[in-house]
Amino acid sequence: MTRTNNLYLIIGALILVVAGLGFYVYREETKPEGVQISIGENGIKVEEN
């Protein structure tokens, strides 16, 4: 019984890693290109993508 539980644990961990990596890649691919300017409480922030 323990061997089967360990197998399910490993498969679940692999699924979480794949899902996390997929989300990370999606966020990186949908970032806007160019220069991003934001105005906040700390002043003006300019970032180049």
N, C-alpha and C. Protein backbone atom coordinates (compact mmCIF):
# COMPACT_ATOMS: atom_id res chain seq x y z
N MET A 1 0.82 -1.21 0.00
CA MET A 1 0.00 0.00 0.00
C MET A 1 0.86 1.26 0.00
N THR A 2 1.97 1.27 0.70
CA THR A 2 2.83 2.44 0.78
C THR A 2 3.46 2.74 -0.57
N ARG A 3 3.82 1.71 -1.31
CA ARG A 3 4.44 1.90 -2.61
C ARG A 3 3.49 2.61 -3.57
N THR A 4 2.22 2.22 -3.53
CA THR A 4 1.22 2.86 -4.39
C THR A 4 1.02 4.32 -4.00
N ASN A 5 1.00 4.59 -2.69
CA ASN A 5 0.84 5.98 -2.23
C ASN A 5 2.02 6.84 -2.67
N ASN A 6 3.23 6.29 -2.61
CA ASN A 6 4.41 7.04 -3.05
C ASN A 6 4.34 7.34 -4.54
N LEU A 7 3.84 6.40 -5.30
CA LEU A 7 3.70 6.60 -6.74
C LEU A 7 2.71 7.73 -7.03
N TYR A 8 1.58 7.75 -6.32
CA TYR A 8 0.61 8.83 -6.49
C TYR A 8 1.20 10.17 -6.08
N LEU A 9 2.00 10.18 -5.03
CA LEU A 9 2.64 11.41 -4.58
C LEU A 9 3.60 11.95 -5.63
N ILE A 10 4.40 11.07 -6.22
CA ILE A 10 5.35 11.48 -7.26
C ILE A 10 4.61 12.00 -8.49
N ILE A 11 3.56 11.31 -8.90
CA ILE A 11 2.79 11.74 -10.07
C ILE A 11 2.13 13.09 -9.80
N GLY A 12 1.59 13.29 -8.60
CA GLY A 12 0.97 14.56 -8.24
C GLY A 12 1.98 15.70 -8.26
N ALA A 13 3.18 15.43 -7.73
CA ALA A 13 4.23 16.46 -7.72
C ALA A 13 4.64 16.82 -9.15
N LEU A 14 4.75 15.83 -10.02
CA LEU A 14 5.10 16.10 -11.41
C LEU A 14 4.03 16.93 -12.11
N ILE A 15 2.78 16.64 -11.82
CA ILE A 15 1.69 17.41 -12.41
C ILE A 15 1.76 18.87 -11.95
N LEU A 16 2.05 19.09 -10.66
CA LEU A 16 2.17 20.45 -10.16
C LEU A 16 3.33 21.20 -10.80
N VAL A 17 4.45 20.52 -11.01
CA VAL A 17 5.61 21.15 -11.64
C VAL A 17 5.29 21.53 -13.08
N VAL A 18 4.65 20.65 -13.81
CA VAL A 18 4.30 20.93 -15.21
C VAL A 18 3.31 22.09 -15.28
N ALA A 19 2.32 22.11 -14.38
CA ALA A 19 1.34 23.19 -14.38
C ALA A 19 2.01 24.52 -14.04
N GLY A 20 2.90 24.53 -13.07
CA GLY A 20 3.61 25.75 -12.70
C GLY A 20 4.49 26.26 -13.82
N LEU A 21 5.20 25.36 -14.48
CA LEU A 21 6.05 25.75 -15.60
C LEU A 21 5.21 26.29 -16.76
N GLY A 22 4.08 25.68 -17.01
CA GLY A 22 3.19 26.16 -18.07
C GLY A 22 2.68 27.55 -17.78
N PHE A 23 2.31 27.82 -16.51
CA PHE A 23 1.84 29.15 -16.13
C PHE A 23 2.96 30.18 -16.27
N TYR A 24 4.17 29.82 -15.88
CA TYR A 24 5.31 30.72 -15.99
C TYR A 24 5.58 31.08 -17.45
N VAL A 25 5.59 30.08 -18.32
CA VAL A 25 5.83 30.32 -19.75
C VAL A 25 4.72 31.18 -20.33
N TYR A 26 3.48 30.92 -19.95
CA TYR A 26 2.36 31.73 -20.44
C TYR A 26 2.53 33.19 -20.04
N ARG A 27 2.90 33.45 -18.78
CA ARG A 27 3.10 34.83 -18.31
C ARG A 27 4.23 35.51 -19.06
N GLU A 28 5.31 34.79 -19.32
CA GLU A 28 6.44 35.38 -20.02
C GLU A 28 6.09 35.68 -21.48
N GLU A 29 5.29 34.84 -22.10
CA GLU A 29 4.93 35.03 -23.51
C GLU A 29 3.92 36.16 -23.69
N THR A 30 3.11 36.45 -22.68
CA THR A 30 2.09 37.48 -22.83
C THR A 30 2.52 38.83 -22.28
N LYS A 31 3.78 38.97 -21.89
CA LYS A 31 4.27 40.27 -21.43
C LYS A 31 4.28 41.26 -22.60
N PRO A 32 3.93 42.51 -22.33
CA PRO A 32 3.98 43.50 -23.40
C PRO A 32 5.42 43.81 -23.80
N GLU A 33 5.63 44.06 -25.07
CA GLU A 33 6.95 44.39 -25.59
C GLU A 33 7.19 45.89 -25.49
N GLY A 34 8.44 46.30 -25.39
CA GLY A 34 8.78 47.71 -25.42
C GLY A 34 9.02 48.30 -24.04
N VAL A 35 8.65 49.55 -23.87
CA VAL A 35 8.89 50.28 -22.63
C VAL A 35 7.59 50.38 -21.86
N GLN A 36 7.68 50.13 -20.55
CA GLN A 36 6.51 50.22 -19.69
C GLN A 36 6.75 51.32 -18.67
N ILE A 37 5.80 52.27 -18.58
CA ILE A 37 5.91 53.38 -17.65
C ILE A 37 4.76 53.27 -16.65
N SER A 38 5.10 53.30 -15.36
CA SER A 38 4.05 53.25 -14.34
C SER A 38 4.29 54.36 -13.31
N ILE A 39 3.20 54.95 -12.85
CA ILE A 39 3.26 56.01 -11.85
C ILE A 39 2.57 55.49 -10.60
N GLY A 40 3.29 55.48 -9.49
CA GLY A 40 2.73 54.96 -8.25
C GLY A 40 3.10 55.84 -7.08
N GLU A 41 2.94 55.27 -5.89
CA GLU A 41 3.23 56.01 -4.66
C GLU A 41 4.72 56.33 -4.54
N ASN A 42 5.57 55.49 -5.10
CA ASN A 42 7.02 55.69 -5.02
C ASN A 42 7.59 56.53 -6.15
N GLY A 43 6.74 57.07 -6.99
CA GLY A 43 7.20 57.91 -8.09
C GLY A 43 6.99 57.25 -9.43
N ILE A 44 7.76 57.68 -10.41
CA ILE A 44 7.67 57.18 -11.78
C ILE A 44 8.66 56.04 -11.97
N LYS A 45 8.20 54.97 -12.61
CA LYS A 45 9.04 53.80 -12.84
C LYS A 45 9.01 53.49 -14.33
N VAL A 46 10.19 53.39 -14.96
CA VAL A 46 10.30 53.09 -16.37
C VAL A 46 11.04 51.76 -16.51
N GLU A 47 10.40 50.79 -17.19
CA GLU A 47 11.02 49.48 -17.41
C GLU A 47 11.08 49.19 -18.89
N GLU A 48 12.20 48.62 -19.33
CA GLU A 48 12.33 48.19 -20.72
C GLU A 48 12.17 46.67 -20.75
N ASN A 49 11.27 46.19 -21.60
CA ASN A 49 11.04 44.75 -21.68
C ASN A 49 11.85 44.14 -22.74
